[in-house]
Amino acid sequence: MGRSTKIELFSNLSFPLDNSHVRRFASLSTQTAYFDSLPKTTLENFVYTRVDNYDFTFNVTGKIQGSQQWGYMRLKNLFDGNRWYYCFVTKVEYVDDNTVKVYGSLDFYQTYVFDMTILESLVERQHERLYQSNGLPVLNTVDEGLDYGSEYRVVSTRKVVTSRLKWLVIVTSKPIGGEVTNTYNVGTPTPLYHYAVPYRIGVGNHLSVKDGSKTIEVLAFNLIFEKLQSDETIANSVISLYTTSYIGINVNPYYNPVSGLIDISSIQGVNLRTIHNDLTGALIRVQNVETFEEEGVLIQNKYDGVPNYKESKLKCYPYTVLVLSDGKGNQVEYKPEVIDGLNLSFCKRGSIGTQSKVGHYLQNYLDNPIFSKEYILIDGNPNNIPILTDAVADYVQGNISSINTQKDLASTNRWVDIGSSVVNAIPLMMLPQTAPLGIAQATTGIAQAENRRYNDLKMLNAKKKDIENIPPNAQNMSGNTTYEWGNDLIDPILHIKTVTPEYEKKLSDFFHMYGYQINELRIPNTHTRSHFNYVKCQSLNVRSGMNREIILRFKSIFENGVTLWHTNDIQNYNVSNEVI
């Protein structure tokens, strides 16, 4: 046969010249069988055609009918074994009525794919597994750098309520209900005394506290305030009065929501006190607490309301995000894909001090079971209740010694003045002619002494009157507790958000066509989907016996990005492309 060439020209078969889309075959035999099955124009014993320059031309004479439909070809130099060289038909040029010039360019993928062994390479993006066997998305947190819009849609909203118990905290400079020693909390000494009064919302207000054999009912707030103010020594020792959702001590295991009984008998660091010694009005005295505890609640399904996306990465951040908000401008974001399991466990921590401070956080976030300040929502609103101070009581209590001294001094001065007047008038009263003058002088002196005493006491009463005209002073007015309570902002809110439908479609189409960003060293996925796989490598590693130019040309196909089609319906993206 000499140096002759066999050429087969295929009509209506066109692969992209840049190898951005290629037909993938499992083996050399399936590749050969596929092209054997196609209709073709065959040129037997054709003049030898060189392909080592990769771009070439040749003339076809006689068999030119339908030549403008030729889009692809293969050729075999018969003296060169059985290797088929697959080539693009880049142009068919008219020469005369019986001749056309065919321009060809070597297809490096189809020609040499079975001469290449692809090794571990730095894969930039590719089609990945979508879901795990448990139905959760496969973890993929690599940033795509894609526009996902400036707004989210909220698909689920729910309150994060750990307990219906709330607390009124009373902080004083003097003890209530008896002397207390060893004043410290969490190892920190304090000169203050801390008392907590439980209450609840929505399930009735009746509560009682049990400590050993003693059980005392919790009074309503108005009665508590009345009792506190009835004792001036207590009322004027109140440093702080505030409400909070948590005091750092988890009483839920000891709380019966049906009966309203809270049994603190076995809780370390707390004991029962009363507002007065008559055992009316339960107060929980908080002292000697070694550490504050967390209080938790389980919320099911971190994907509540999220559409069942075919592309699992849409269930990952930033396309789906969990937002814990206090409704006051503070929030914390959580990435759902790094939350272990499907269910959400929220916890809160608190403390007892001069004002409220409660933190809410997601448990086991980023596989970290330890309390993490980095992802905690802190509610530092003081939630203070105004304290009305009595200026008169404050003045009398704070100046009682000086007041009594002034009263005593006024009486003493009266008798001194009277005595002095009488003594000075005695010489005059001993003489008959001057006795009336002496008596008059003595009488005048006594009157002046009485008037001085009257004026001294009048000055004290006037000062007291002036103080009485001072309006009650409302202290600790920071914050607006009624705003939180009136607008149901006591507990934080969990919002589950996703991209809008507009961006959902754009992103889904993109992931469907091009897979996910990987940026990882691995063997590329060339056949993990039913219809097509996209692969783009930053650097493709191959082992081959071909020359350097061929290897570089082959590598560039994957480094530029290529879609490998497993069916003949090339470039038809209207397929499901299931994971296999």
Protein backbone atom coordinates (compact mmCIF):
# COMPACT_ATOMS: atom_id res chain seq x y z
CA MET A 1 0.00 0.00 0.00
CA GLY A 2 3.04 2.24 0.20
CA ARG A 3 2.76 5.63 1.86
CA SER A 4 -0.96 5.96 1.38
CA THR A 5 -3.54 7.38 3.83
CA LYS A 6 -7.11 6.42 4.64
CA ILE A 7 -9.34 9.40 5.41
CA GLU A 8 -12.88 9.39 6.77
CA LEU A 9 -14.89 12.64 6.68
CA PHE A 10 -17.94 12.94 8.99
CA SER A 11 -20.93 15.08 8.20
CA ASN A 12 -22.95 16.93 10.82
CA LEU A 13 -20.39 16.13 13.50
CA SER A 14 -18.70 19.12 15.00
CA PHE A 15 -16.70 19.34 18.22
CA PRO A 16 -15.45 22.73 19.49
CA LEU A 17 -12.07 23.50 17.99
CA ASP A 18 -10.71 24.61 21.39
CA ASN A 19 -11.56 21.27 23.05
CA SER A 20 -13.82 23.01 25.56
CA HIS A 21 -16.25 20.13 24.98
CA VAL A 22 -15.08 16.61 24.17
CA ARG A 23 -16.73 13.24 23.76
CA ARG A 24 -15.34 10.94 26.41
CA PHE A 25 -14.95 7.21 25.77
CA ALA A 26 -14.20 4.57 28.34
CA SER A 27 -11.66 2.78 26.16
CA LEU A 28 -9.93 2.84 22.81
CA SER A 29 -12.23 0.14 21.51
CA THR A 30 -15.43 2.04 22.39
CA GLN A 31 -13.95 5.16 20.77
CA THR A 32 -13.18 3.26 17.55
CA ALA A 33 -16.58 1.56 17.51
CA TYR A 34 -18.37 4.89 17.89
CA PHE A 35 -16.70 6.49 14.87
CA ASP A 36 -17.06 3.27 12.89
CA SER A 37 -20.83 3.53 13.34
CA LEU A 38 -21.13 7.06 11.93
CA PRO A 39 -22.03 7.83 8.31
CA LYS A 40 -18.97 9.08 6.50
CA THR A 41 -17.21 9.86 3.22
CA THR A 42 -14.21 7.54 2.86
CA LEU A 43 -11.09 8.24 0.84
CA GLU A 44 -9.12 5.03 0.31
CA ASN A 45 -5.46 4.90 -0.70
CA PHE A 46 -5.28 8.66 -0.50
CA VAL A 47 -2.02 10.44 -0.95
CA TYR A 48 0.09 10.42 2.24
CA THR A 49 -1.00 13.19 4.60
CA ARG A 50 1.36 14.43 7.27
CA VAL A 51 -0.11 15.47 10.61
CA ASP A 52 3.11 16.17 12.50
CA ASN A 53 2.64 19.90 11.90
CA TYR A 54 -0.84 19.49 13.50
CA ASP A 55 -2.42 21.80 10.90
CA PHE A 56 -2.63 20.61 7.32
CA THR A 57 -4.57 20.73 4.04
CA PHE A 58 -5.39 18.38 1.23
CA ASN A 59 -7.53 18.40 -1.91
CA VAL A 60 -10.47 16.13 -2.45
CA THR A 61 -11.52 15.46 -6.05
CA GLY A 62 -14.69 13.80 -7.18
CA LYS A 63 -16.34 13.04 -3.83
CA ILE A 64 -17.31 16.59 -2.99
CA GLN A 65 -21.09 16.26 -2.71
CA GLY A 66 -22.12 17.47 0.77
CA SER A 67 -18.59 18.60 1.56
CA GLN A 68 -19.80 21.75 3.31
CA GLN A 69 -21.28 19.51 6.04
CA TRP A 70 -17.92 17.96 6.87
CA GLY A 71 -17.02 19.04 10.37
CA TYR A 72 -14.76 16.30 11.66
CA MET A 73 -12.51 13.57 10.30
CA ARG A 74 -10.02 10.88 11.11
CA LEU A 75 -7.14 9.55 9.08
CA LYS A 76 -4.82 6.61 9.26
CA ASN A 77 -1.46 6.37 7.52
CA LEU A 78 -1.47 2.75 6.48
CA PHE A 79 2.26 2.29 6.85
CA ASP A 80 2.09 3.64 10.41
CA GLY A 81 0.09 0.87 12.06
CA ASN A 82 -3.51 1.18 13.18
CA ARG A 83 -3.39 4.60 14.89
CA TRP A 84 -6.24 6.88 13.96
CA TYR A 85 -5.51 10.59 14.00
CA TYR A 86 -8.63 12.53 14.92
CA CYS A 87 -8.89 15.98 13.44
CA PHE A 88 -11.17 19.00 13.23
CA VAL A 89 -12.28 20.15 9.78
CA THR A 90 -11.71 23.86 10.15
CA LYS A 91 -12.59 24.90 6.59
CA VAL A 92 -13.72 23.47 3.24
CA GLU A 93 -12.67 25.70 0.37
CA TYR A 94 -14.04 25.56 -3.19
CA VAL A 95 -11.36 25.00 -5.84
CA ASP A 96 -13.40 24.06 -8.91
CA ASP A 97 -16.58 22.20 -9.69
CA ASN A 98 -14.88 18.88 -9.00
CA THR A 99 -12.40 19.78 -6.26
CA VAL A 100 -12.40 21.24 -2.70
CA LYS A 101 -9.54 22.00 -0.34
CA VAL A 102 -9.97 20.63 3.17
CA TYR A 103 -8.25 22.35 6.12
CA GLY A 104 -7.57 20.10 9.06
CA SER A 105 -6.28 20.56 12.66
CA LEU A 106 -5.24 17.72 14.96
CA ASP A 107 -7.55 16.91 17.90
CA PHE A 108 -5.05 16.21 20.68
CA TYR A 109 -7.67 14.88 23.07
CA GLN A 110 -9.24 12.16 20.92
CA THR A 111 -5.92 11.25 19.30
CA TYR A 112 -3.81 10.86 22.44
CA VAL A 113 -6.19 10.46 25.40
CA PHE A 114 -5.38 6.76 25.73
CA ASP A 115 -1.67 7.51 25.65
CA MET A 116 -1.99 9.65 28.78
CA THR A 117 -2.20 8.60 32.42
CA ILE A 118 -3.61 11.43 34.51
CA LEU A 119 -2.01 11.67 37.96
CA GLU A 120 -2.83 13.70 41.07
CA SER A 121 -3.15 17.29 39.95
CA LEU A 122 -4.09 20.64 41.41
CA VAL A 123 -7.80 20.67 40.56
CA GLU A 124 -9.35 24.13 40.44
CA ARG A 125 -12.98 23.08 39.95
CA GLN A 126 -14.95 20.02 38.93
CA HIS A 127 -18.24 18.23 39.47
CA GLU A 128 -18.40 16.75 42.94
CA ARG A 129 -20.60 14.49 44.98
CA LEU A 130 -23.66 16.44 46.05
CA TYR A 131 -25.09 14.79 49.16
CA GLN A 132 -23.90 12.38 51.80
CA SER A 133 -25.72 9.14 52.52
CA ASN A 134 -27.51 10.84 55.44
CA GLY A 135 -28.94 13.47 53.13
CA LEU A 136 -26.69 16.31 54.28
CA PRO A 137 -24.71 18.31 51.71
CA VAL A 138 -21.12 17.31 51.04
CA LEU A 139 -18.89 19.81 52.80
CA ASN A 140 -17.54 22.42 50.42
CA THR A 141 -16.61 25.79 51.86
CA VAL A 142 -14.32 27.08 49.11
CA ASP A 143 -15.33 30.58 48.06
CA GLU A 144 -16.75 30.65 44.52
CA GLY A 145 -16.36 34.37 44.08
CA LEU A 146 -19.84 34.54 42.52
CA ASP A 147 -22.46 37.25 42.84
CA TYR A 148 -25.30 36.01 45.02
CA GLY A 149 -27.16 39.30 45.36
CA SER A 150 -27.30 41.90 48.10
CA GLU A 151 -30.45 40.58 49.77
CA TYR A 152 -31.57 37.30 51.27
CA ARG A 153 -35.03 35.86 51.61
CA VAL A 154 -36.08 34.59 55.04
CA VAL A 155 -37.44 31.05 54.78
CA SER A 156 -37.80 30.32 58.49
CA THR A 157 -38.08 32.33 61.71
CA ARG A 158 -38.33 30.99 65.22
CA LYS A 159 -37.73 32.06 68.80
CA VAL A 160 -34.81 30.57 70.68
CA VAL A 161 -36.47 30.07 74.05
CA THR A 162 -34.57 27.96 76.53
CA SER A 163 -36.86 28.52 79.53
CA ARG A 164 -40.06 30.38 80.27
CA LEU A 165 -38.59 31.46 83.62
CA LYS A 166 -37.45 35.06 83.85
CA TRP A 167 -35.86 36.87 86.76
CA LEU A 168 -36.06 40.07 88.73
CA VAL A 169 -32.66 40.76 90.30
CA ILE A 170 -32.27 42.96 93.37
CA VAL A 171 -28.78 44.17 94.26
CA THR A 172 -28.32 45.85 97.64
CA SER A 173 -25.55 47.22 99.80
CA LYS A 174 -27.16 45.70 102.91
CA PRO A 175 -28.53 42.19 103.42
CA ILE A 176 -32.24 41.42 103.24
CA GLY A 177 -33.82 38.90 105.57
CA GLY A 178 -30.91 38.38 107.93
CA GLU A 179 -27.15 38.56 108.02
CA VAL A 180 -25.17 36.87 105.33
CA THR A 181 -21.47 36.04 105.37
CA ASN A 182 -18.91 34.90 102.79
CA THR A 183 -20.01 37.32 100.13
CA TYR A 184 -18.47 36.29 96.81
CA ASN A 185 -19.49 34.91 93.42
CA VAL A 186 -17.43 32.82 91.01
CA GLY A 187 -14.41 33.38 93.20
CA THR A 188 -14.69 37.19 93.14
CA PRO A 189 -15.35 39.00 96.44
CA THR A 190 -18.16 41.54 96.36
CA PRO A 191 -19.50 43.98 98.94
CA LEU A 192 -22.97 43.69 97.40
CA TYR A 193 -25.85 41.31 98.02
CA HIS A 194 -27.67 39.65 95.12
CA TYR A 195 -31.24 38.36 95.21
CA ALA A 196 -33.24 36.81 92.39
CA VAL A 197 -37.02 36.60 92.10
CA PRO A 198 -38.34 34.16 89.44
CA TYR A 199 -41.41 34.83 87.33
CA ARG A 200 -42.82 33.46 84.12
CA ILE A 201 -44.82 34.59 81.10
CA GLY A 202 -47.76 33.01 79.37
CA VAL A 203 -48.41 30.07 81.71
CA GLY A 204 -49.71 31.76 84.81
CA ASN A 205 -47.81 33.71 87.36
CA HIS A 206 -47.99 31.48 90.44
CA LEU A 207 -44.52 30.39 91.56
CA SER A 208 -43.04 29.20 94.82
CA VAL A 209 -39.53 28.36 95.99
CA LYS A 210 -38.58 25.37 98.14
CA ASP A 211 -35.39 25.18 100.17
CA GLY A 212 -35.24 22.08 102.36
CA SER A 213 -38.37 21.96 104.48
CA LYS A 214 -39.29 25.59 103.79
CA THR A 215 -41.49 26.66 100.86
CA ILE A 216 -42.31 30.33 100.23
CA GLU A 217 -44.55 31.85 97.60
CA VAL A 218 -43.17 34.36 95.11
CA LEU A 219 -44.93 37.69 95.38
CA ALA A 220 -46.18 39.79 92.50
CA PHE A 221 -43.89 42.65 91.49
CA ASN A 222 -46.09 45.38 92.96
CA LEU A 223 -46.06 43.65 96.32
CA ILE A 224 -42.31 43.15 96.16
CA PHE A 225 -41.75 46.84 95.47
CA GLU A 226 -44.18 47.76 98.25
CA LYS A 227 -42.36 45.58 100.77
CA LEU A 228 -38.97 46.84 99.67
CA GLN A 229 -40.05 50.46 100.05
CA SER A 230 -41.76 49.87 103.38
CA ASP A 231 -38.37 49.49 105.03
CA GLU A 232 -36.36 52.65 104.49
CA THR A 233 -33.09 50.96 105.40
CA ILE A 234 -33.62 48.42 102.63
CA ALA A 235 -35.14 50.80 100.10
CA ASN A 236 -32.23 53.16 100.30
CA SER A 237 -29.68 50.34 100.05
CA VAL A 238 -30.90 49.11 96.64
CA ILE A 239 -28.03 49.53 94.22
CA SER A 240 -29.63 48.00 91.15
CA LEU A 241 -32.96 46.53 90.11
CA TYR A 242 -33.25 44.78 86.74
CA THR A 243 -34.87 41.97 84.78
CA THR A 244 -33.03 39.25 82.91
CA SER A 245 -33.78 36.01 81.11
CA TYR A 246 -31.00 34.12 82.86
CA ILE A 247 -28.90 34.48 86.04
CA GLY A 248 -26.24 31.93 85.12
CA ILE A 249 -27.72 29.17 87.30
CA ASN A 250 -29.69 26.49 85.48
CA VAL A 251 -32.76 25.80 87.64
CA ASN A 252 -34.72 24.06 84.85
CA PRO A 253 -33.96 20.55 86.17
CA TYR A 254 -35.43 21.65 89.51
CA TYR A 255 -38.45 23.50 88.14
CA ASN A 256 -41.92 21.98 87.78
CA PRO A 257 -43.78 24.10 85.18
CA VAL A 258 -47.13 22.54 86.14
CA SER A 259 -47.04 23.30 89.85
CA GLY A 260 -44.77 26.30 89.53
CA LEU A 261 -42.45 24.93 92.24
CA ILE A 262 -38.71 25.60 92.07
CA ASP A 263 -36.74 23.36 94.43
CA ILE A 264 -33.34 24.94 95.10
CA SER A 265 -32.43 22.59 97.94
CA SER A 266 -29.62 20.87 96.04
CA ILE A 267 -28.37 23.82 93.97
CA GLN A 268 -24.94 24.99 95.02
CA GLY A 269 -24.51 28.64 95.78
CA VAL A 270 -28.12 29.64 96.40
CA ASN A 271 -30.40 29.72 99.41
CA LEU A 272 -33.82 31.02 100.29
CA ARG A 273 -34.37 34.40 101.86
CA THR A 274 -37.44 36.53 102.46
CA ILE A 275 -38.14 40.20 102.10
CA HIS A 276 -39.13 40.37 105.76
CA ASN A 277 -38.70 38.02 108.64
CA ASP A 278 -42.39 37.19 108.57
CA LEU A 279 -41.60 34.65 105.79
CA THR A 280 -43.58 36.46 103.13
CA GLY A 281 -42.13 36.97 99.69
CA ALA A 282 -39.51 34.53 98.46
CA LEU A 283 -36.06 35.77 97.49
CA ILE A 284 -33.31 33.51 96.17
CA ARG A 285 -30.04 34.69 97.63
CA VAL A 286 -27.18 34.06 95.20
CA GLN A 287 -23.79 33.73 96.85
CA ASN A 288 -20.74 31.52 96.75
CA VAL A 289 -21.49 30.38 93.19
CA GLU A 290 -18.40 28.58 91.92
CA THR A 291 -19.15 28.82 88.19
CA PHE A 292 -21.96 29.88 85.88
CA GLU A 293 -23.74 27.20 83.85
CA GLU A 294 -25.23 27.00 80.39
CA GLU A 295 -28.90 26.47 79.70
CA GLY A 296 -29.79 24.76 76.44
CA VAL A 297 -32.63 24.00 74.07
CA LEU A 298 -32.86 21.74 71.00
CA ILE A 299 -34.21 23.18 67.77
CA GLN A 300 -34.71 20.67 64.98
CA ASN A 301 -33.60 20.93 61.35
CA LYS A 302 -31.08 23.55 60.41
CA TYR A 303 -32.55 23.50 56.87
CA ASP A 304 -36.10 24.27 57.94
CA GLY A 305 -37.78 26.10 55.05
CA VAL A 306 -34.74 25.78 52.74
CA PRO A 307 -35.70 24.48 49.26
CA ASN A 308 -34.53 21.01 48.33
CA TYR A 309 -31.80 22.29 46.04
CA LYS A 310 -30.41 19.86 43.51
CA GLU A 311 -27.08 21.66 43.79
CA SER A 312 -26.11 21.01 47.38
CA LYS A 313 -23.70 23.95 47.62
CA LEU A 314 -26.72 26.25 47.65
CA LYS A 315 -27.36 24.86 51.14
CA CYS A 316 -23.94 26.10 52.22
CA TYR A 317 -22.70 29.55 53.23
CA PRO A 318 -23.01 32.22 51.84
CA TYR A 319 -26.02 31.00 49.83
CA THR A 320 -27.76 29.71 52.97
CA VAL A 321 -27.02 31.30 56.32
CA LEU A 322 -28.37 31.06 59.86
CA VAL A 323 -28.70 34.41 61.62
CA LEU A 324 -29.22 34.71 65.37
CA SER A 325 -30.57 38.19 66.11
CA ASP A 326 -31.66 40.02 69.22
CA GLY A 327 -33.90 42.42 67.27
CA LYS A 328 -31.85 45.37 68.54
CA GLY A 329 -29.26 45.53 65.78
CA ASN A 330 -26.96 42.75 67.04
CA GLN A 331 -26.59 39.42 65.27
CA VAL A 332 -24.31 36.44 64.73
CA GLU A 333 -24.10 34.40 61.51
CA TYR A 334 -23.61 30.64 61.38
CA LYS A 335 -22.62 28.47 58.41
CA PRO A 336 -25.00 25.50 58.24
CA GLU A 337 -22.52 23.15 56.53
CA VAL A 338 -20.14 23.16 59.51
CA ILE A 339 -22.85 22.41 62.06
CA ASP A 340 -22.56 18.77 63.00
CA GLY A 341 -25.73 16.84 62.18
CA LEU A 342 -29.15 18.14 61.22
CA ASN A 343 -30.43 19.44 64.54
CA LEU A 344 -29.52 22.71 66.21
CA SER A 345 -28.70 23.03 69.91
CA PHE A 346 -28.66 26.57 71.25
CA CYS A 347 -27.36 27.50 74.67
CA LYS A 348 -27.24 30.62 76.74
CA ARG A 349 -24.99 31.79 79.53
CA GLY A 350 -25.63 34.50 82.03
CA SER A 351 -24.42 35.97 85.26
CA ILE A 352 -25.66 37.91 88.21
CA GLY A 353 -24.24 41.36 88.81
CA THR A 354 -25.30 44.99 88.84
CA GLN A 355 -27.00 44.68 85.44
CA SER A 356 -28.19 42.04 83.01
CA LYS A 357 -25.80 40.32 80.59
CA VAL A 358 -26.81 37.18 78.69
CA GLY A 359 -25.05 35.42 75.83
CA HIS A 360 -26.63 33.04 73.29
CA TYR A 361 -24.64 30.70 71.07
CA LEU A 362 -24.83 27.56 68.95
CA GLN A 363 -23.47 24.46 70.61
CA ASN A 364 -20.85 22.30 68.83
CA TYR A 365 -20.31 24.86 66.10
CA LEU A 366 -17.22 24.10 64.01
CA ASP A 367 -16.90 20.85 65.98
CA ASN A 368 -16.06 22.90 69.06
CA PRO A 369 -18.02 21.74 72.12
CA ILE A 370 -16.39 24.41 74.27
CA PHE A 371 -18.12 27.67 75.02
CA SER A 372 -16.84 30.06 72.33
CA LYS A 373 -16.97 33.83 72.69
CA GLU A 374 -16.25 34.27 68.99
CA TYR A 375 -19.70 33.11 67.90
CA ILE A 376 -21.84 34.32 70.80
CA LEU A 377 -24.62 36.89 70.69
CA ILE A 378 -24.25 39.12 73.73
CA ASP A 379 -27.30 40.93 75.07
CA GLY A 380 -25.79 43.62 77.26
CA ASN A 381 -28.93 45.72 77.59
CA PRO A 382 -29.05 46.61 81.31
CA ASN A 383 -32.85 46.11 81.53
CA ASN A 384 -32.86 48.31 84.63
CA ILE A 385 -36.02 49.11 86.52
CA PRO A 386 -36.00 52.73 87.80
CA ILE A 387 -35.34 53.11 91.49
CA LEU A 388 -37.27 55.97 93.15
CA THR A 389 -35.28 57.46 95.99
CA ASP A 390 -36.93 59.42 98.84
CA ALA A 391 -34.91 62.61 99.37
CA VAL A 392 -36.45 63.24 102.84
CA ALA A 393 -35.69 59.75 104.03
CA ASP A 394 -32.21 59.98 102.56
CA TYR A 395 -31.63 63.32 104.34
CA VAL A 396 -32.99 62.17 107.68
CA GLN A 397 -31.20 58.84 107.49
CA GLY A 398 -27.93 60.35 106.35
CA ASN A 399 -27.99 63.36 108.72
CA ILE A 400 -29.78 61.98 111.78
CA SER A 401 -26.83 62.65 114.10
CA SER A 402 -26.40 66.27 113.03
CA ILE A 403 -30.14 66.85 113.20
CA ASN A 404 -30.33 65.55 116.77
CA THR A 405 -27.25 67.57 117.66
CA GLN A 406 -28.84 70.74 116.32
CA LYS A 407 -32.02 70.05 118.29
CA ASP A 408 -30.06 69.47 121.47
CA LEU A 409 -27.98 72.58 120.82
CA ALA A 410 -31.11 74.67 120.37
CA SER A 411 -32.44 73.52 123.75
CA THR A 412 -29.09 74.05 125.42
CA ASN A 413 -28.73 77.56 124.00
CA ARG A 414 -32.27 78.36 125.24
CA TRP A 415 -31.40 77.56 128.86
CA VAL A 416 -28.04 79.28 128.61
CA ASP A 417 -29.72 82.41 127.28
CA ILE A 418 -32.41 82.28 129.97
CA GLY A 419 -29.87 81.78 132.72
CA SER A 420 -27.72 84.64 131.45
CA SER A 421 -30.72 86.99 131.32
CA VAL A 422 -31.76 86.19 134.90
CA VAL A 423 -28.25 86.52 136.27
CA ASN A 424 -27.79 89.90 134.62
CA ALA A 425 -31.17 91.15 135.92
CA ILE A 426 -30.72 90.07 139.63
CA PRO A 427 -28.77 93.19 140.76
CA LEU A 428 -31.52 95.39 139.42
CA MET A 429 -34.26 93.28 141.03
CA MET A 430 -32.66 93.55 144.52
CA LEU A 431 -33.16 97.29 144.74
CA PRO A 432 -36.71 98.52 145.22
CA GLN A 433 -36.31 101.43 142.87
CA THR A 434 -34.85 99.25 140.08
CA ALA A 435 -36.76 95.99 140.70
CA PRO A 436 -39.33 96.60 137.96
CA LEU A 437 -36.53 97.30 135.48
CA GLY A 438 -34.74 94.07 136.48
CA ILE A 439 -37.87 91.99 136.11
CA ALA A 440 -38.53 93.52 132.70
CA GLN A 441 -34.96 92.84 131.58
CA ALA A 442 -35.16 89.21 132.74
CA THR A 443 -38.48 88.73 130.99
CA THR A 444 -37.09 90.18 127.76
CA GLY A 445 -34.06 87.87 127.91
CA ILE A 446 -36.23 84.78 128.37
CA ALA A 447 -38.38 85.85 125.43
CA GLN A 448 -35.30 86.34 123.26
CA ALA A 449 -34.01 82.87 124.22
CA GLU A 450 -37.31 81.28 123.28
CA ASN A 451 -37.31 83.18 120.00
CA ARG A 452 -33.77 81.99 119.18
CA ARG A 453 -34.76 78.37 119.89
CA TYR A 454 -37.85 78.82 117.74
CA ASN A 455 -35.80 80.18 114.86
CA ASP A 456 -33.26 77.32 115.10
CA LEU A 457 -35.99 74.69 114.93
CA LYS A 458 -37.73 76.65 112.21
CA MET A 459 -34.56 76.52 110.10
CA LEU A 460 -34.42 72.71 110.48
CA ASN A 461 -38.08 72.36 109.46
CA ALA A 462 -37.59 74.72 106.53
CA LYS A 463 -34.69 72.61 105.26
CA LYS A 464 -36.86 69.53 105.60
CA LYS A 465 -39.65 71.32 103.68
CA ASP A 466 -37.25 72.25 100.90
CA ILE A 467 -36.17 68.63 100.58
CA GLU A 468 -39.80 67.50 100.50
CA ASN A 469 -40.32 69.74 97.47
CA ILE A 470 -37.62 67.84 95.58
CA PRO A 471 -39.34 65.32 93.27
CA PRO A 472 -38.47 61.64 93.66
CA ASN A 473 -35.22 60.79 91.92
CA ALA A 474 -35.38 57.95 89.38
CA GLN A 475 -32.04 56.20 89.23
CA ASN A 476 -30.73 53.49 86.84
CA MET A 477 -32.78 54.71 83.90
CA SER A 478 -30.41 53.38 81.21
CA GLY A 479 -32.01 51.11 78.65
CA ASN A 480 -35.70 50.67 77.95
CA THR A 481 -36.96 47.47 79.45
CA THR A 482 -40.52 48.06 78.31
CA TYR A 483 -39.33 48.16 74.71
CA GLU A 484 -37.87 44.66 74.92
CA TRP A 485 -40.82 43.25 76.79
CA GLY A 486 -43.52 45.09 74.87
CA ASN A 487 -42.06 44.10 71.50
CA ASP A 488 -41.29 40.50 72.46
CA LEU A 489 -37.52 40.93 72.23
CA ILE A 490 -36.64 39.06 75.39
CA ASP A 491 -35.33 35.99 73.60
CA PRO A 492 -33.27 36.01 70.39
CA ILE A 493 -34.68 35.02 67.03
CA LEU A 494 -33.18 32.50 64.62
CA HIS A 495 -33.60 33.42 60.96
CA ILE A 496 -32.77 30.92 58.22
CA LYS A 497 -31.99 32.80 55.02
CA THR A 498 -31.28 31.80 51.43
CA VAL A 499 -30.54 33.61 48.19
CA THR A 500 -33.46 35.01 46.27
CA PRO A 501 -35.10 32.87 43.53
CA GLU A 502 -33.43 35.02 40.85
CA TYR A 503 -29.94 34.25 42.10
CA GLU A 504 -30.89 30.71 43.00
CA LYS A 505 -31.46 29.99 39.30
CA LYS A 506 -28.28 31.75 38.18
CA LEU A 507 -26.14 29.93 40.69
CA SER A 508 -27.83 26.58 40.13
CA ASP A 509 -27.28 26.82 36.37
CA PHE A 510 -23.62 27.72 36.89
CA PHE A 511 -22.96 24.85 39.31
CA HIS A 512 -24.84 22.47 37.01
CA MET A 513 -22.53 23.37 34.13
CA TYR A 514 -19.19 23.88 35.86
CA GLY A 515 -19.28 22.09 39.19
CA TYR A 516 -17.69 23.51 42.34
CA GLN A 517 -14.48 25.29 43.21
CA ILE A 518 -12.04 22.75 44.70
CA ASN A 519 -8.46 24.08 44.74
CA GLU A 520 -7.18 20.76 45.95
CA LEU A 521 -4.61 18.16 44.96
CA ARG A 522 -6.43 15.07 43.67
CA ILE A 523 -7.04 12.94 40.60
CA PRO A 524 -9.65 14.80 38.53
CA ASN A 525 -13.19 13.44 38.34
CA THR A 526 -13.61 12.56 34.66
CA HIS A 527 -16.62 10.25 35.00
CA THR A 528 -18.70 10.72 38.15
CA ARG A 529 -21.87 12.04 36.50
CA SER A 530 -24.38 10.44 34.15
CA HIS A 531 -24.11 12.91 31.25
CA PHE A 532 -21.05 15.13 31.66
CA ASN A 533 -18.17 16.13 33.91
CA TYR A 534 -16.46 19.50 33.96
CA VAL A 535 -12.79 19.65 34.97
CA LYS A 536 -10.41 22.57 35.25
CA CYS A 537 -6.91 22.16 36.65
CA GLN A 538 -4.36 24.74 37.57
CA SER A 539 -1.72 22.22 36.62
CA LEU A 540 -2.38 18.79 35.10
CA ASN A 541 0.10 16.05 35.86
CA VAL A 542 0.30 13.27 33.24
CA ARG A 543 2.54 10.31 32.51
CA SER A 544 3.04 9.61 28.74
CA GLY A 545 5.47 8.32 26.14
CA MET A 546 4.50 11.07 23.69
CA ASN A 547 6.74 13.99 22.88
CA ARG A 548 6.75 17.16 24.95
CA GLU A 549 4.68 19.19 22.49
CA ILE A 550 1.88 16.66 22.46
CA ILE A 551 1.90 16.44 26.27
CA LEU A 552 1.75 20.22 26.62
CA ARG A 553 -1.11 20.45 24.10
CA PHE A 554 -3.02 17.75 25.99
CA LYS A 555 -2.39 19.39 29.39
CA SER A 556 -3.67 22.74 28.13
CA ILE A 557 -7.09 21.21 27.42
CA PHE A 558 -7.65 20.50 31.14
CA GLU A 559 -5.92 23.65 32.32
CA ASN A 560 -8.26 25.76 30.17
CA GLY A 561 -11.29 23.83 31.41
CA VAL A 562 -13.05 21.02 29.58
CA THR A 563 -16.49 19.39 29.70
CA LEU A 564 -16.26 15.65 29.11
CA TRP A 565 -19.51 14.27 27.66
CA HIS A 566 -20.49 10.67 28.30
CA THR A 567 -23.34 10.63 25.78
CA ASN A 568 -23.64 11.71 22.18
CA ASP A 569 -25.91 14.61 23.08
CA ILE A 570 -22.98 16.97 23.41
CA GLN A 571 -23.56 20.51 24.81
CA ASN A 572 -27.15 19.76 25.80
CA TYR A 573 -27.38 20.95 29.39
CA ASN A 574 -31.09 20.18 29.70
CA VAL A 575 -30.28 16.92 31.44
CA SER A 576 -30.34 16.00 35.12
CA ASN A 577 -26.70 14.80 35.17
CA GLU A 578 -27.12 12.57 38.20
CA VAL A 579 -24.21 11.45 40.33
CA ILE A 580 -23.16 7.88 39.49
